C-alpha atoms as a PDB file:
ATOM      1  CA  MET A   1      26.134  27.530  -5.416  1.00  0.00           C
ATOM      2  CA  ARG A   2      24.480  26.522  -8.671  1.00  0.00           C
ATOM      3  CA  VAL A   3      27.943  26.352 -10.299  1.00  0.00           C
ATOM      4  CA  ARG A   4      28.985  23.868  -7.631  1.00  0.00           C
ATOM      5  CA  HIS A   5      26.054  21.600  -8.490  1.00  0.00           C
ATOM      6  CA  ILE A   6      26.716  21.857 -12.214  1.00  0.00           C
ATOM      7  CA  PHE A   7      30.285  20.764 -11.531  1.00  0.00           C
ATOM      8  CA  ARG A   8      29.029  17.941  -9.351  1.00  0.00           C
ATOM      9  CA  PHE A   9      26.703  16.861 -12.141  1.00  0.00           C
ATOM     10  CA  SER A  10      29.684  15.975 -14.352  1.00  0.00           C
ATOM     11  CA  ALA A  11      31.168  14.001 -11.497  1.00  0.00           C
ATOM     12  CA  VAL A  12      28.062  11.934 -10.851  1.00  0.00           C
ATOM     13  CA  MET A  13      26.779  11.405 -14.384  1.00  0.00           C
ATOM     14  CA  THR A  14      28.825   8.231 -14.648  1.00  0.00           C
ATOM     15  CA  LEU A  15      27.135   7.035 -11.481  1.00  0.00           C
ATOM     16  CA  TRP A  16      23.782   7.875 -13.020  1.00  0.00           C
ATOM     17  CA  VAL A  17      24.393   5.480 -15.896  1.00  0.00           C
ATOM     18  CA  PHE A  18      25.043   2.666 -13.479  1.00  0.00           C
ATOM     19  CA  GLY A  19      22.501   4.024 -11.043  1.00  0.00           C
ATOM     20  CA  PHE A  20      19.785   3.223 -13.559  1.00  0.00           C
ATOM     21  CA  VAL A  21      20.179  -0.380 -12.455  1.00  0.00           C
ATOM     22  CA  PHE A  22      18.490   0.653  -9.223  1.00  0.00           C
ATOM     23  CA  PHE A  23      15.459   2.010 -11.007  1.00  0.00           C
ATOM     24  CA  SER A  24      15.449  -1.115 -13.166  1.00  0.00           C
ATOM     25  CA  ALA A  25      15.474  -3.343 -10.120  1.00  0.00           C
ATOM     26  CA  VAL A  26      12.666  -1.365  -8.515  1.00  0.00           C
ATOM     27  CA  ALA A  27      10.634  -1.488 -11.693  1.00  0.00           C
ATOM     28  CA  ALA A  28      11.079  -5.220 -11.891  1.00  0.00           C
ATOM     29  CA  SER A  29       9.966  -5.730  -8.295  1.00  0.00           C
ATOM     30  CA  GLU A  30       7.346  -2.974  -7.962  1.00  0.00           C
ATOM     31  CA  GLY A  31       6.188  -2.723 -11.552  1.00  0.00           C
ATOM     32  CA  SER A  32       6.242   1.056 -11.414  1.00  0.00           C
ATOM     33  CA  LEU A  33       8.334   1.966 -14.442  1.00  0.00           C
ATOM     34  CA  SER A  34       8.764   1.138 -18.107  1.00  0.00           C
ATOM     35  CA  ALA A  35      12.189   1.451 -19.756  1.00  0.00           C
ATOM     36  CA  ASP A  36      11.418   5.023 -20.802  1.00  0.00           C
ATOM     37  CA  GLY A  37       9.860   5.719 -17.408  1.00  0.00           C
ATOM     38  CA  GLU A  38      13.052   4.599 -15.717  1.00  0.00           C
ATOM     39  CA  LYS A  39      15.091   7.174 -17.611  1.00  0.00           C
ATOM     40  CA  ARG A  40      12.524   9.898 -17.092  1.00  0.00           C
ATOM     41  CA  LEU A  41      12.427   9.286 -13.338  1.00  0.00           C
ATOM     42  CA  ALA A  42      16.215   9.466 -13.070  1.00  0.00           C
ATOM     43  CA  GLU A  43      16.264  12.758 -14.990  1.00  0.00           C
ATOM     44  CA  PHE A  44      13.305  14.061 -12.975  1.00  0.00           C
ATOM     45  CA  THR A  45      15.018  13.229  -9.676  1.00  0.00           C
ATOM     46  CA  TYR A  46      18.252  14.954 -10.644  1.00  0.00           C
ATOM     47  CA  ASP A  47      16.411  18.035 -11.925  1.00  0.00           C
ATOM     48  CA  GLU A  48      14.490  18.233  -8.647  1.00  0.00           C
ATOM     49  CA  LEU A  49      17.683  17.973  -6.611  1.00  0.00           C
ATOM     50  CA  LEU A  50      19.355  20.638  -8.721  1.00  0.00           C
ATOM     51  CA  SER A  51      16.397  23.023  -8.543  1.00  0.00           C
ATOM     52  CA  ARG A  52      16.202  22.602  -4.748  1.00  0.00           C
ATOM     53  CA  ASN A  53      19.960  23.073  -4.326  1.00  0.00           C
ATOM     54  CA  MET A  54      20.169  19.592  -2.748  1.00  0.00           C
ATOM     55  CA  PRO A  55      23.181  17.221  -3.061  1.00  0.00           C
ATOM     56  CA  ALA A  56      23.081  15.102  -6.217  1.00  0.00           C
ATOM     57  CA  GLU A  57      24.232  12.070  -4.226  1.00  0.00           C
ATOM     58  CA  LEU A  58      20.805  11.870  -2.596  1.00  0.00           C
ATOM     59  CA  ALA A  59      19.517  10.368  -5.839  1.00  0.00           C
ATOM     60  CA  PHE A  60      21.197   7.121  -4.784  1.00  0.00           C
ATOM     61  CA  LEU A  61      19.546   6.951  -1.376  1.00  0.00           C
ATOM     62  CA  PRO A  62      16.744   4.621  -2.586  1.00  0.00           C
ATOM     63  CA  ASN A  63      19.358   2.182  -3.864  1.00  0.00           C
ATOM     64  CA  ALA A  64      21.184   2.240  -0.541  1.00  0.00           C
ATOM     65  CA  ILE A  65      18.111   1.806   1.674  1.00  0.00           C
ATOM     66  CA  SER A  66      16.790  -1.092  -0.420  1.00  0.00           C
ATOM     67  CA  ASN A  67      19.264  -3.329   1.422  1.00  0.00           C
ATOM     68  CA  ILE A  68      18.691  -2.173   5.001  1.00  0.00           C
ATOM     69  CA  SER A  69      15.932  -2.658   7.556  1.00  0.00           C
ATOM     70  CA  MET A  70      14.001   0.479   8.459  1.00  0.00           C
ATOM     71  CA  PRO A  71      11.390   1.134  11.165  1.00  0.00           C
ATOM     72  CA  GLY A  72       7.775   2.030  10.537  1.00  0.00           C
ATOM     73  CA  ASN A  73       5.242   1.321   7.812  1.00  0.00           C
ATOM     74  CA  ARG A  74       7.383   2.110   4.767  1.00  0.00           C
ATOM     75  CA  ALA A  75       6.804   1.568   1.065  1.00  0.00           C
ATOM     76  CA  GLY A  76       7.786   2.811  -2.396  1.00  0.00           C
ATOM     77  CA  ILE A  77      11.230   3.281  -3.919  1.00  0.00           C
ATOM     78  CA  TRP A  78      12.161   5.779  -1.190  1.00  0.00           C
ATOM     79  CA  ALA A  79      10.808   3.563   1.628  1.00  0.00           C
ATOM     80  CA  LEU A  80       8.593   6.483   2.619  1.00  0.00           C
ATOM     81  CA  ASP A  81       6.932   6.230   6.006  1.00  0.00           C
ATOM     82  CA  ALA A  82       3.124   6.172   5.858  1.00  0.00           C
ATOM     83  CA  LEU A  83       2.718   9.112   8.254  1.00  0.00           C
ATOM     84  CA  ASP A  84       5.187  11.222   6.292  1.00  0.00           C
ATOM     85  CA  ALA A  85       3.429  10.298   3.053  1.00  0.00           C
ATOM     86  CA  VAL A  86       0.052  11.434   4.386  1.00  0.00           C
ATOM     87  CA  ARG A  87       1.657  14.563   5.822  1.00  0.00           C
ATOM     88  CA  TYR A  88       2.826  15.503   2.324  1.00  0.00           C
ATOM     89  CA  GLY A  89      -0.557  14.844   0.722  1.00  0.00           C
ATOM     90  CA  LEU A  90      -0.246  11.270  -0.532  1.00  0.00           C
ATOM     91  CA  ARG A  91      -3.160   8.892  -0.258  1.00  0.00           C
ATOM     92  CA  VAL A  92      -2.349   5.845   1.878  1.00  0.00           C
ATOM     93  CA  ASP A  93      -5.255   3.620   2.916  1.00  0.00           C
ATOM     94  CA  LEU A  94      -6.630   0.112   2.456  1.00  0.00           C
ATOM     95  CA  ILE A  95      -7.697   0.896  -1.126  1.00  0.00           C
ATOM     96  CA  HIS A  96      -4.841   2.976  -2.589  1.00  0.00           C
ATOM     97  CA  ASP A  97      -1.203   3.669  -1.762  1.00  0.00           C
ATOM     98  CA  GLN A  98       0.372   6.533  -3.706  1.00  0.00           C
ATOM     99  CA  ARG A  99       3.809   5.768  -2.302  1.00  0.00           C
ATOM    100  CA  TYR A 100       4.054   3.382  -5.237  1.00  0.00           C
ATOM    101  CA  ASP A 101       3.704   6.304  -7.649  1.00  0.00           C
ATOM    102  CA  ASP A 102       7.443   6.817  -8.132  1.00  0.00           C
ATOM    103  CA  THR A 103       7.210  10.475  -9.143  1.00  0.00           C
ATOM    104  CA  ILE A 104       4.943  11.508  -6.269  1.00  0.00           C
ATOM    105  CA  CYS A 105       6.949   9.407  -3.816  1.00  0.00           C
ATOM    106  CA  THR A 106      10.159  11.093  -4.970  1.00  0.00           C
ATOM    107  CA  LEU A 107       8.696  14.562  -4.414  1.00  0.00           C
ATOM    108  CA  ALA A 108       7.470  13.648  -0.934  1.00  0.00           C
ATOM    109  CA  ALA A 109      10.798  12.053   0.022  1.00  0.00           C
ATOM    110  CA  LEU A 110      12.760  15.096  -1.137  1.00  0.00           C
ATOM    111  CA  ASN A 111      10.387  17.371   0.770  1.00  0.00           C
ATOM    112  CA  CYS A 112      10.971  15.292   3.871  1.00  0.00           C
ATOM    113  CA  LEU A 113      14.763  15.323   3.478  1.00  0.00           C
ATOM    114  CA  GLN A 114      14.721  19.071   2.835  1.00  0.00           C
ATOM    115  CA  GLU A 115      12.632  19.641   5.972  1.00  0.00           C
ATOM    116  CA  TYR A 116      15.092  17.616   8.067  1.00  0.00           C
ATOM    117  CA  PHE A 117      18.066  19.512   6.618  1.00  0.00           C
ATOM    118  CA  GLU A 118      16.440  22.821   7.575  1.00  0.00           C
ATOM    119  CA  ARG A 119      15.875  21.418  11.069  1.00  0.00           C
ATOM    120  CA  TYR A 120      19.340  19.929  11.699  1.00  0.00           C
ATOM    121  CA  GLY A 121      21.565  21.987   9.360  1.00  0.00           C
ATOM    122  CA  GLU A 122      23.548  18.994   8.030  1.00  0.00           C
ATOM    123  CA  TRP A 123      22.706  16.548   5.264  1.00  0.00           C
ATOM    124  CA  ASP A 124      24.141  13.567   7.137  1.00  0.00           C
ATOM    125  CA  MET A 125      21.843  14.413  10.045  1.00  0.00           C
ATOM    126  CA  ALA A 126      18.904  14.842   7.664  1.00  0.00           C
ATOM    127  CA  ILE A 127      19.585  11.390   6.207  1.00  0.00           C
ATOM    128  CA  ALA A 128      19.783   9.902   9.716  1.00  0.00           C
ATOM    129  CA  ALA A 129      16.432  11.477  10.615  1.00  0.00           C
ATOM    130  CA  TYR A 130      14.887  10.144   7.411  1.00  0.00           C
ATOM    131  CA  LEU A 131      16.196   6.624   7.971  1.00  0.00           C
ATOM    132  CA  HIS A 132      15.561   6.323  11.704  1.00  0.00           C
ATOM    133  CA  SER A 133      12.952   9.058  12.438  1.00  0.00           C
ATOM    134  CA  PRO A 134      13.571  12.456  14.067  1.00  0.00           C
ATOM    135  CA  ALA A 135      12.477  11.073  17.454  1.00  0.00           C
ATOM    136  CA  VAL A 136      15.253   8.463  17.476  1.00  0.00           C
ATOM    137  CA  LEU A 137      17.837  10.977  16.255  1.00  0.00           C
ATOM    138  CA  ASN A 138      16.806  13.543  18.873  1.00  0.00           C
ATOM    139  CA  ALA A 139      17.034  10.950  21.630  1.00  0.00           C
ATOM    140  CA  CYS A 140      20.575  10.059  20.537  1.00  0.00           C
ATOM    141  CA  LEU A 141      21.613  13.703  20.395  1.00  0.00           C
ATOM    142  CA  GLN A 142      20.173  14.437  23.823  1.00  0.00           C
ATOM    143  CA  SER A 143      21.842  11.405  25.414  1.00  0.00           C
ATOM    144  CA  GLY A 144      25.174  12.024  23.710  1.00  0.00           C
ATOM    145  CA  ASP A 145      25.073   8.545  22.161  1.00  0.00           C
ATOM    146  CA  SER A 146      26.805   8.745  18.764  1.00  0.00           C
ATOM    147  CA  THR A 147      26.265   5.075  17.893  1.00  0.00           C
ATOM    148  CA  LEU A 148      23.410   5.870  15.506  1.00  0.00           C
ATOM    149  CA  LEU A 149      25.425   8.436  13.562  1.00  0.00           C
ATOM    150  CA  LEU A 150      28.391   6.069  13.318  1.00  0.00           C
ATOM    151  CA  HIS A 151      26.264   3.359  11.731  1.00  0.00           C
ATOM    152  CA  THR A 152      23.994   5.350   9.432  1.00  0.00           C
ATOM    153  CA  LEU A 153      24.368   6.263   5.765  1.00  0.00           C
ATOM    154  CA  THR A 154      26.114   9.509   4.840  1.00  0.00           C
ATOM    155  CA  LEU A 155      26.576  11.542   1.668  1.00  0.00           C
ATOM    156  CA  SER A 156      30.056  10.033   1.389  1.00  0.00           C
ATOM    157  CA  ASP A 157      28.554   6.545   1.398  1.00  0.00           C
ATOM    158  CA  LEU A 158      26.123   7.519  -1.351  1.00  0.00           C
ATOM    159  CA  SER A 159      28.933   8.951  -3.500  1.00  0.00           C
ATOM    160  CA  ARG A 160      30.740   5.607  -3.265  1.00  0.00           C
ATOM    161  CA  MET A 161      27.780   3.564  -4.440  1.00  0.00           C
ATOM    162  CA  GLU A 162      28.921   0.373  -6.095  1.00  0.00           C
ATOM    163  CA  LYS A 163      28.904   0.710  -9.859  1.00  0.00           C
ATOM    164  CA  GLY A 164      29.354  -1.484 -12.872  1.00  0.00           C
ATOM    165  CA  ALA A 165      26.348  -3.732 -12.313  1.00  0.00           C
ATOM    166  CA  PRO A 166      24.706  -4.931 -15.546  1.00  0.00           C
ATOM    167  CA  LEU A 167      21.522  -3.238 -16.653  1.00  0.00           C
ATOM    168  CA  LEU A 168      18.354  -5.248 -16.204  1.00  0.00           C
ATOM    169  CA  SER A 169      15.841  -5.649 -18.992  1.00  0.00           C
ATOM    170  CA  ILE A 170      12.588  -3.783 -18.484  1.00  0.00           C
ATOM    171  CA  GLU A 171       9.262  -5.096 -19.691  1.00  0.00           C
ATOM    172  CA  GLU A 172       7.165  -2.630 -21.666  1.00  0.00           C
ATOM    173  CA  PHE A 173       3.799  -1.777 -20.151  1.00  0.00           C
ATOM    174  CA  SER A 174       0.646  -0.164 -21.433  1.00  0.00           C
ATOM    175  CA  THR A 175      -2.070   1.476 -19.336  1.00  0.00           C
ATOM    176  CA  LEU A 176      -5.839   0.993 -19.576  1.00  0.00           C
ATOM    177  CA  ASP A 177      -8.011   3.691 -18.021  1.00  0.00           C
ATOM    178  CA  PHE A 178     -11.012   2.555 -15.954  1.00  0.00           C
ATOM    179  CA  ASP A 179     -13.778   4.424 -14.144  1.00  0.00           C
ATOM    180  CA  GLN A 180     -15.617   1.699 -12.238  1.00  0.00           C
ATOM    181  CA  PRO A 181     -14.489  -1.150  -9.961  1.00  0.00           C
ATOM    182  CA  VAL A 182     -12.753  -4.094 -11.603  1.00  0.00           C
ATOM    183  CA  SER A 183     -12.352  -7.521 -10.020  1.00  0.00           C
ATOM    184  CA  LEU A 184      -8.877  -9.032  -9.786  1.00  0.00           C
ATOM    185  CA  GLU A 185     -10.433 -12.371 -10.700  1.00  0.00           C
ATOM    186  CA  ALA A 186     -11.839 -10.829 -13.893  1.00  0.00           C
ATOM    187  CA  ILE A 187      -8.374  -9.540 -14.773  1.00  0.00           C
ATOM    188  CA  THR A 188      -6.680 -12.899 -14.265  1.00  0.00           C
ATOM    189  CA  HIS A 189      -9.494 -14.704 -16.083  1.00  0.00           C
ATOM    190  CA  LEU A 190      -9.413 -12.507 -19.194  1.00  0.00           C
ATOM    191  CA  THR A 191      -5.688 -11.830 -19.451  1.00  0.00           C
ATOM    192  CA  GLY A 192      -4.045 -14.982 -18.119  1.00  0.00           C
ATOM    193  CA  ILE A 193      -1.742 -12.827 -16.002  1.00  0.00           C
ATOM    194  CA  SER A 194      -1.230 -14.085 -12.459  1.00  0.00           C
ATOM    195  CA  ALA A 195      -2.609 -12.116  -9.527  1.00  0.00           C
ATOM    196  CA  SER A 196       0.896 -11.656  -8.107  1.00  0.00           C
ATOM    197  CA  ASP A 197       2.333 -10.358 -11.405  1.00  0.00           C
ATOM    198  CA  PHE A 198      -0.568  -7.951 -11.832  1.00  0.00           C
ATOM    199  CA  SER A 199      -0.206  -6.673  -8.272  1.00  0.00           C
ATOM    200  CA  LYS A 200       3.512  -6.080  -8.798  1.00  0.00           C
ATOM    201  CA  ALA A 201       2.724  -3.987 -11.879  1.00  0.00           C
ATOM    202  CA  ASN A 202      -0.065  -2.113 -10.083  1.00  0.00           C
ATOM    203  CA  PRO A 203       1.004  -1.750  -6.427  1.00  0.00           C
ATOM    204  CA  ILE A 204      -0.982   1.467  -5.943  1.00  0.00           C
ATOM    205  CA  PHE A 205      -4.220  -0.548  -5.942  1.00  0.00           C
ATOM    206  CA  ARG A 206      -4.647  -2.518  -2.709  1.00  0.00           C
ATOM    207  CA  SER A 207      -8.278  -3.670  -2.659  1.00  0.00           C
ATOM    208  CA  ASP A 208     -10.280  -6.260  -4.588  1.00  0.00           C
ATOM    209  CA  PRO A 209     -12.220  -5.200  -6.529  1.00  0.00           C
ATOM    210  CA  LEU A 210      -9.856  -2.445  -7.648  1.00  0.00           C
ATOM    211  CA  VAL A 211     -11.358   1.002  -7.081  1.00  0.00           C
ATOM    212  CA  PRO A 212     -10.592   3.764  -9.647  1.00  0.00           C
ATOM    213  CA  LEU A 213      -8.301   6.600  -8.593  1.00  0.00           C
ATOM    214  CA  GLU A 214      -8.045   9.727 -10.716  1.00  0.00           C
ATOM    215  CA  GLY A 215      -4.829   9.823 -12.716  1.00  0.00           C
ATOM    216  CA  TYR A 216      -4.124   6.082 -12.537  1.00  0.00           C
ATOM    217  CA  GLY A 217      -4.956   3.229 -14.877  1.00  0.00           C
ATOM    218  CA  LEU A 218      -4.381  -0.520 -14.990  1.00  0.00           C
ATOM    219  CA  ARG A 219      -0.902  -1.440 -16.214  1.00  0.00           C
ATOM    220  CA  PHE A 220      -0.448  -4.564 -18.356  1.00  0.00           C
ATOM    221  CA  PRO A 221       2.395  -5.910 -20.493  1.00  0.00           C
ATOM    222  CA  VAL A 222       1.910  -4.452 -23.975  1.00  0.00           C
ATOM    223  CA  GLU A 223       1.061  -7.772 -25.642  1.00  0.00           C
ATOM    224  CA  ILE A 224      -1.738  -8.330 -23.111  1.00  0.00           C
ATOM    225  CA  ALA A 225      -3.039  -4.760 -23.176  1.00  0.00           C
ATOM    226  CA  ASN A 226      -3.356  -4.918 -26.969  1.00  0.00           C
ATOM    227  CA  ASN A 227      -5.795  -7.823 -26.691  1.00  0.00           C
ATOM    228  CA  ILE A 228      -8.140  -6.678 -23.958  1.00  0.00           C
ATOM    229  CA  GLU A 229     -10.945  -4.150 -23.659  1.00  0.00           C
ATOM    230  CA  VAL A 230     -11.797  -2.466 -20.382  1.00  0.00           C
ATOM    231  CA  ASP A 231     -15.517  -3.010 -21.106  1.00  0.00           C
ATOM    232  CA  SER A 232     -14.837  -6.751 -21.029  1.00  0.00           C
ATOM    233  CA  LEU A 233     -13.347  -6.372 -17.565  1.00  0.00           C
ATOM    234  CA  TYR A 234     -16.465  -4.510 -16.431  1.00  0.00           C
ATOM    235  CA  ALA A 235     -18.767  -7.202 -17.831  1.00  0.00           C
ATOM    236  CA  VAL A 236     -16.896 -10.115 -16.252  1.00  0.00           C
ATOM    237  CA  THR A 237     -16.662  -8.233 -12.952  1.00  0.00           C
ATOM    238  CA  GLU A 238     -20.424  -7.703 -12.914  1.00  0.00           C
ATOM    239  CA  ARG A 239     -21.037 -11.411 -13.603  1.00  0.00           C
ATOM    240  CA  LEU A 240     -18.609 -12.449 -10.874  1.00  0.00           C
ATOM    241  CA  VAL A 241     -20.139 -10.044  -8.368  1.00  0.00           C
ATOM    242  CA  ALA A 242     -23.638 -11.294  -9.198  1.00  0.00           C
ATOM    243  CA  ALA A 243     -22.482 -14.910  -8.850  1.00  0.00           C
ATOM    244  CA  ARG A 244     -20.852 -14.179  -5.487  1.00  0.00           C
ATOM    245  CA  GLU A 245     -23.944 -12.399  -4.202  1.00  0.00           C
ATOM    246  CA  ALA A 246     -26.107 -15.334  -5.296  1.00  0.00           C
ATOM    247  CA  GLU A 247     -23.757 -17.773  -3.562  1.00  0.00           C
ATOM    248  CA  VAL A 248     -23.806 -15.741  -0.357  1.00  0.00           C
ATOM    249  CA  LEU A 249     -27.617 -15.587  -0.439  1.00  0.00           C
ATOM    250  CA  LYS A 250     -27.780 -19.326  -1.031  1.00  0.00           C
ATOM    251  CA  LYS A 251     -25.513 -20.051   1.936  1.00  0.00           C
ATOM    252  CA  GLN A 252     -27.525 -17.710   4.134  1.00  0.00           C
ATOM    253  CA  LYS A 253     -30.732 -19.537   3.249  1.00  0.00           C
ATOM    254  CA  GLN A 254     -29.092 -22.904   3.887  1.00  0.00           C
ATOM    255  CA  ALA A 255     -27.842 -21.721   7.245  1.00  0.00           C
ATOM    256  CA  GLU A 256     -31.302 -20.418   8.139  1.00  0.00           C
ATOM    257  CA  GLU A 257     -32.879 -23.760   7.236  1.00  0.00           C
ATOM    258  CA  GLU A 258     -30.317 -25.629   9.336  1.00  0.00           C
ATOM    259  CA  ARG A 259     -30.962 -23.312  12.247  1.00  0.00           C
ATOM    260  CA  LYS A 260     -34.721 -23.876  11.974  1.00  0.00           C
ATOM    261  CA  GLN A 261     -34.179 -27.630  12.113  1.00  0.00           C
ATOM    262  CA  THR A 262     -32.219 -27.270  15.362  1.00  0.00           C
ATOM    263  CA  SER A 263     -34.478 -24.707  17.028  1.00  0.00           C
ATOM    264  CA  ILE A 264     -37.144 -24.956  19.697  1.00  0.00           C
ATOM    265  CA  ILE A 265     -40.034 -22.747  20.705  1.00  0.00           C
ATOM    266  CA  TYR A 266     -40.005 -21.834  24.376  1.00  0.00           C
ATOM    267  CA  THR A 267     -43.118 -20.477  26.079  1.00  0.00           C
ATOM    268  CA  VAL A 268     -42.312 -17.921  28.754  1.00  0.00           C
ATOM    269  CA  LYS A 269     -43.560 -18.808  32.233  1.00  0.00           C
ATOM    270  CA  TYR A 270     -44.472 -16.477  35.054  1.00  0.00           C
ATOM    271  CA  GLY A 271     -41.296 -15.240  36.735  1.00  0.00           C
ATOM    272  CA  ASP A 272     -38.948 -16.149  33.821  1.00  0.00           C
ATOM    273  CA  THR A 273     -36.108 -13.813  32.888  1.00  0.00           C
ATOM    274  CA  LEU A 274     -33.987 -13.789  29.755  1.00  0.00           C
ATOM    275  CA  SER A 275     -30.843 -14.486  31.741  1.00  0.00           C
ATOM    276  CA  GLU A 276     -32.396 -17.563  33.372  1.00  0.00           C
ATOM    277  CA  ILE A 277     -33.645 -18.877  30.007  1.00  0.00           C
ATOM    278  CA  ALA A 278     -30.241 -18.229  28.403  1.00  0.00           C
ATOM    279  CA  LEU A 279     -28.496 -20.072  31.224  1.00  0.00           C
ATOM    280  CA  LYS A 280     -30.885 -23.016  30.995  1.00  0.00           C
ATOM    281  CA  TYR A 281     -30.323 -23.500  27.255  1.00  0.00           C
ATOM    282  CA  ARG A 282     -26.654 -22.460  27.307  1.00  0.00           C
ATOM    283  CA  VAL A 283     -27.030 -19.514  24.949  1.00  0.00           C
ATOM    284  CA  ARG A 284     -26.307 -15.805  25.322  1.00  0.00           C
ATOM    285  CA  VAL A 285     -28.883 -13.202  26.256  1.00  0.00           C
ATOM    286  CA  SER A 286     -27.756 -11.120  23.278  1.00  0.00           C
ATOM    287  CA  ASP A 287     -28.525 -14.068  20.973  1.00  0.00           C
ATOM    288  CA  LEU A 288     -31.990 -14.521  22.486  1.00  0.00           C
ATOM    289  CA  LYS A 289     -32.713 -10.872  21.860  1.00  0.00           C
ATOM    290  CA  LYS A 290     -31.389 -11.027  18.299  1.00  0.00           C
ATOM    291  CA  TRP A 291     -33.275 -14.207  17.391  1.00  0.00           C
ATOM    292  CA  ASN A 292     -36.518 -12.792  18.722  1.00  0.00           C
ATOM    293  CA  LYS A 293     -35.957  -9.153  17.737  1.00  0.00           C
ATOM    294  CA  LEU A 294     -36.248  -7.946  21.311  1.00  0.00           C
ATOM    295  CA  ARG A 295     -35.270  -4.343  22.016  1.00  0.00           C
ATOM    296  CA  SER A 296     -35.018  -4.858  25.788  1.00  0.00           C
ATOM    297  CA  ASP A 297     -34.812  -7.619  28.381  1.00  0.00           C
ATOM    298  CA  PHE A 298     -38.553  -7.377  29.047  1.00  0.00           C
ATOM    299  CA  ILE A 299     -40.572 -10.536  28.303  1.00  0.00           C
ATOM    300  CA  ARG A 300     -44.133 -11.420  29.213  1.00  0.00           C
ATOM    301  CA  GLU A 301     -45.869 -14.580  30.325  1.00  0.00           C
ATOM    302  CA  ARG A 302     -46.896 -17.007  27.503  1.00  0.00           C
ATOM    303  CA  GLN A 303     -44.624 -15.169  25.037  1.00  0.00           C
ATOM    304  CA  LYS A 304     -43.061 -17.487  22.425  1.00  0.00           C
ATOM    305  CA  LEU A 305     -39.275 -17.398  22.092  1.00  0.00           C
ATOM    306  CA  ILE A 306     -37.196 -19.057  19.359  1.00  0.00           C
ATOM    307  CA  ILE A 307     -34.064 -20.710  20.715  1.00  0.00           C
ATOM    308  CA  TYR A 308     -31.426 -22.206  18.468  1.00  0.00           C
ATOM    309  CA  LYS A 309     -29.373 -25.042  19.889  1.00  0.00           C
END
């Protein structure tokens, strides 16, 4: 079996040369790879396929699926579903998304494809399950509807991937390690790089400020990285955070002053209830309780209540 894959390697190496255009395109759009990283990922993917005894043509699946619509919350060069990513140990949340780590995403995608092959016994079926979900594939198989299989990608399609496209140029990147939150505004202010360009180069980080994640740094074009210190990013971030907190506090005080100017003091009369008072002044009972720090609906005669109009 290994001999068969070694033979297949010679057949697909030409495709690999042109297949690098895919990794170039992904790097340009996702900012995940440098020129050297592109080559390393291609070699890594093929080595993984060979070691797992998986078809070499699967290396071109990311290129093929980049042009089709797929269901679910998918991301990364393999369009990996969020639930599958988490199932294989990747971190996917509002702060970080490891599907944009091309190496880790590749491993998870190959694990997923391998699992589906073991389940269905055919690579074309495994690809269909990966693209459309096992639930959809199972429903088609149970109903006898072959429409899905007739219109999904197969190994034969991957082996006929269009070739000859020109190689794209890849911008060189350098990585700065950081161990405390960094504001996106601080990054754009100090480097001149746009927020969109930075996000494309660092898609793993999803929050602002950016929260450190072990094993990942901030990627900048080399000429920018050579002229910036991470301590400067920390300092500007701290100033921006302090300024924002001061602005929020200022607005809160202004709002409180405005509320005081439009408030009245109501003296509770015998027989009054909070609901009746709220209805009279067109406010909510919950607001009355919040404004007056009441823990229950109980009020007493001659009690003073603040009511904001």
